[in-house]
C-alpha atoms as a PDB file:
ATOM      1  CA  UNK A   1      -1.192 -11.185 -13.644  1.00  0.00           C
ATOM      2  CA  UNK A   2      -3.462 -11.728 -11.711  1.00  0.00           C
ATOM      3  CA  UNK A   3      -6.587 -10.116 -12.017  1.00  0.00           C
ATOM      4  CA  UNK A   4      -6.733  -7.362  -9.036  1.00  0.00           C
ATOM      5  CA  UNK A   5     -10.520  -6.150  -6.891  1.00  0.00           C
ATOM      6  CA  UNK A   6     -11.945  -3.416  -5.660  1.00  0.00           C
ATOM      7  CA  UNK A   7     -14.883  -3.616  -3.011  1.00  0.00           C
ATOM      8  CA  UNK A   8     -16.106  -0.076  -4.061  1.00  0.00           C
ATOM      9  CA  UNK A   9     -17.656   0.297  -0.415  1.00  0.00           C
ATOM     10  CA  UNK A  10     -13.682   0.192   0.793  1.00  0.00           C
ATOM     11  CA  UNK A  11     -12.421   3.350  -1.315  1.00  0.00           C
ATOM     12  CA  UNK A  12     -12.984   4.750   2.226  1.00  0.00           C
ATOM     13  CA  UNK A  13      -9.610   3.185   2.950  1.00  0.00           C
ATOM     14  CA  UNK A  14      -7.932   4.563   0.000  1.00  0.00           C
ATOM     15  CA  UNK A  15      -8.750   1.600  -2.807  1.00  0.00           C
ATOM     16  CA  UNK A  16      -9.626   4.384  -4.953  1.00  0.00           C
ATOM     17  CA  UNK A  17      -5.937   5.992  -5.022  1.00  0.00           C
ATOM     18  CA  UNK A  18      -4.717   2.734  -5.592  1.00  0.00           C
ATOM     19  CA  UNK A  19      -6.871   1.570  -8.587  1.00  0.00           C
ATOM     20  CA  UNK A  20      -5.814   5.502  -9.725  1.00  0.00           C
ATOM     21  CA  UNK A  21      -2.648   4.721  -9.798  1.00  0.00           C
ATOM     22  CA  UNK A  22      -1.613   1.496 -10.789  1.00  0.00           C
ATOM     23  CA  UNK A  23      -4.213   2.456 -13.192  1.00  0.00           C
ATOM     24  CA  UNK A  24      -1.461   5.209 -14.699  1.00  0.00           C
ATOM     25  CA  UNK A  25       1.471   3.025 -13.852  1.00  0.00           C
ATOM     26  CA  UNK A  26      -0.379  -0.159 -15.474  1.00  0.00           C
ATOM     27  CA  UNK A  27      -2.837   0.429 -18.365  1.00  0.00           C
ATOM     28  CA  UNK A  28      -2.085  -3.062 -19.149  1.00  0.00           C
ATOM     29  CA  UNK A  29      -2.876  -4.162 -15.629  1.00  0.00           C
ATOM     30  CA  UNK A  30      -6.334  -6.189 -14.999  1.00  0.00           C
ATOM     31  CA  UNK A  31      -8.916  -4.294 -12.106  1.00  0.00           C
ATOM     32  CA  UNK A  32     -12.403  -4.270 -11.770  1.00  0.00           C
ATOM     33  CA  UNK A  33     -14.456  -2.681  -8.751  1.00  0.00           C
ATOM     34  CA  UNK A  34     -16.769  -5.012  -7.578  1.00  0.00           C
ATOM     35  CA  UNK A  35     -20.505  -4.238  -5.483  1.00  0.00           C
ATOM     36  CA  UNK A  36     -19.208  -6.114  -3.061  1.00  0.00           C
ATOM     37  CA  UNK A  37     -15.830  -9.080  -2.599  1.00  0.00           C
ATOM     38  CA  UNK A  38     -18.035 -10.476   0.344  1.00  0.00           C
ATOM     39  CA  UNK A  39     -14.654  -9.798   2.581  1.00  0.00           C
ATOM     40  CA  UNK A  40     -17.097  -7.312   4.759  1.00  0.00           C
ATOM     41  CA  UNK A  41     -15.158  -7.988   7.656  1.00  0.00           C
ATOM     42  CA  UNK A  42     -11.990  -7.462   7.045  1.00  0.00           C
ATOM     43  CA  UNK A  43     -13.238  -4.364   4.344  1.00  0.00           C
ATOM     44  CA  UNK A  44     -14.678  -2.306   7.731  1.00  0.00           C
ATOM     45  CA  UNK A  45     -11.782  -2.377   9.352  1.00  0.00           C
ATOM     46  CA  UNK A  46      -9.004  -2.366   7.026  1.00  0.00           C
ATOM     47  CA  UNK A  47      -7.359  -1.411   3.530  1.00  0.00           C
ATOM     48  CA  UNK A  48      -8.411  -4.577   0.844  1.00  0.00           C
ATOM     49  CA  UNK A  49      -7.640  -6.241  -1.985  1.00  0.00           C
ATOM     50  CA  UNK A  50      -8.440  -8.816  -3.886  1.00  0.00           C
ATOM     51  CA  UNK A  51      -5.891 -10.600  -6.721  1.00  0.00           C
ATOM     52  CA  UNK A  52      -8.169 -13.651  -8.294  1.00  0.00           C
ATOM     53  CA  UNK A  53     -10.429 -14.886  -6.679  1.00  0.00           C
ATOM     54  CA  UNK A  54      -8.829 -16.712  -2.808  1.00  0.00           C
ATOM     55  CA  UNK A  55      -6.634 -14.467  -2.242  1.00  0.00           C
ATOM     56  CA  UNK A  56      -7.004 -11.406  -0.387  1.00  0.00           C
ATOM     57  CA  UNK A  57      -4.830  -8.821   0.455  1.00  0.00           C
ATOM     58  CA  UNK A  58      -5.419  -6.688   3.239  1.00  0.00           C
ATOM     59  CA  UNK A  59      -3.190  -3.411   4.867  1.00  0.00           C
ATOM     60  CA  UNK A  60      -3.520  -0.686   7.657  1.00  0.00           C
ATOM     61  CA  UNK A  61      -2.784   1.598   5.116  1.00  0.00           C
ATOM     62  CA  UNK A  62      -3.628   2.573   1.493  1.00  0.00           C
ATOM     63  CA  UNK A  63      -0.142   3.071   0.972  1.00  0.00           C
ATOM     64  CA  UNK A  64       1.668  -0.141   2.413  1.00  0.00           C
ATOM     65  CA  UNK A  65      -1.992  -2.366   0.140  1.00  0.00           C
ATOM     66  CA  UNK A  66       0.216   0.240  -2.846  1.00  0.00           C
ATOM     67  CA  UNK A  67       3.061  -1.676  -1.386  1.00  0.00           C
ATOM     68  CA  UNK A  68       2.038  -5.133  -2.109  1.00  0.00           C
ATOM     69  CA  UNK A  69       0.798  -4.385  -5.070  1.00  0.00           C
ATOM     70  CA  UNK A  70       3.498  -3.499  -6.670  1.00  0.00           C
ATOM     71  CA  UNK A  71       5.291  -5.969  -5.547  1.00  0.00           C
ATOM     72  CA  UNK A  72       3.388  -8.589  -6.811  1.00  0.00           C
ATOM     73  CA  UNK A  73       3.084  -6.964  -9.689  1.00  0.00           C
ATOM     74  CA  UNK A  74       7.056  -6.728  -9.817  1.00  0.00           C
ATOM     75  CA  UNK A  75       7.404 -10.159  -8.563  1.00  0.00           C
ATOM     76  CA  UNK A  76       4.993 -10.992 -11.242  1.00  0.00           C
ATOM     77  CA  UNK A  77       6.939  -9.865 -15.094  1.00  0.00           C
ATOM     78  CA  UNK A  78      10.714 -11.347 -13.826  1.00  0.00           C
ATOM     79  CA  UNK A  79       9.031 -14.256 -13.549  1.00  0.00           C
ATOM     80  CA  UNK A  80       7.665 -14.021 -16.676  1.00  0.00           C
ATOM     81  CA  UNK A  81      10.777 -13.043 -17.665  1.00  0.00           C
ATOM     82  CA  UNK A  82      12.442 -15.346 -16.805  1.00  0.00           C
ATOM     83  CA  UNK A  83      10.432 -18.073 -18.885  1.00  0.00           C
END
């Protein structure tokens, strides 16, 4: 699983709660808070997170972004079990 990065300036859209929830559920998951991810166009409008260095996830609400991240985590862990 790649590192999930959050923009600190995006916390007003709920990314801080997503970070905390995922940290509680998956303590081994790599997550980082960054001052800026360089995606201000999206960051000003919606909840965002970045997977790795290039894959940007955007959602209209923190609940939708959380669901996307949970699905990606589940898929990633299922792949590891199959290998």
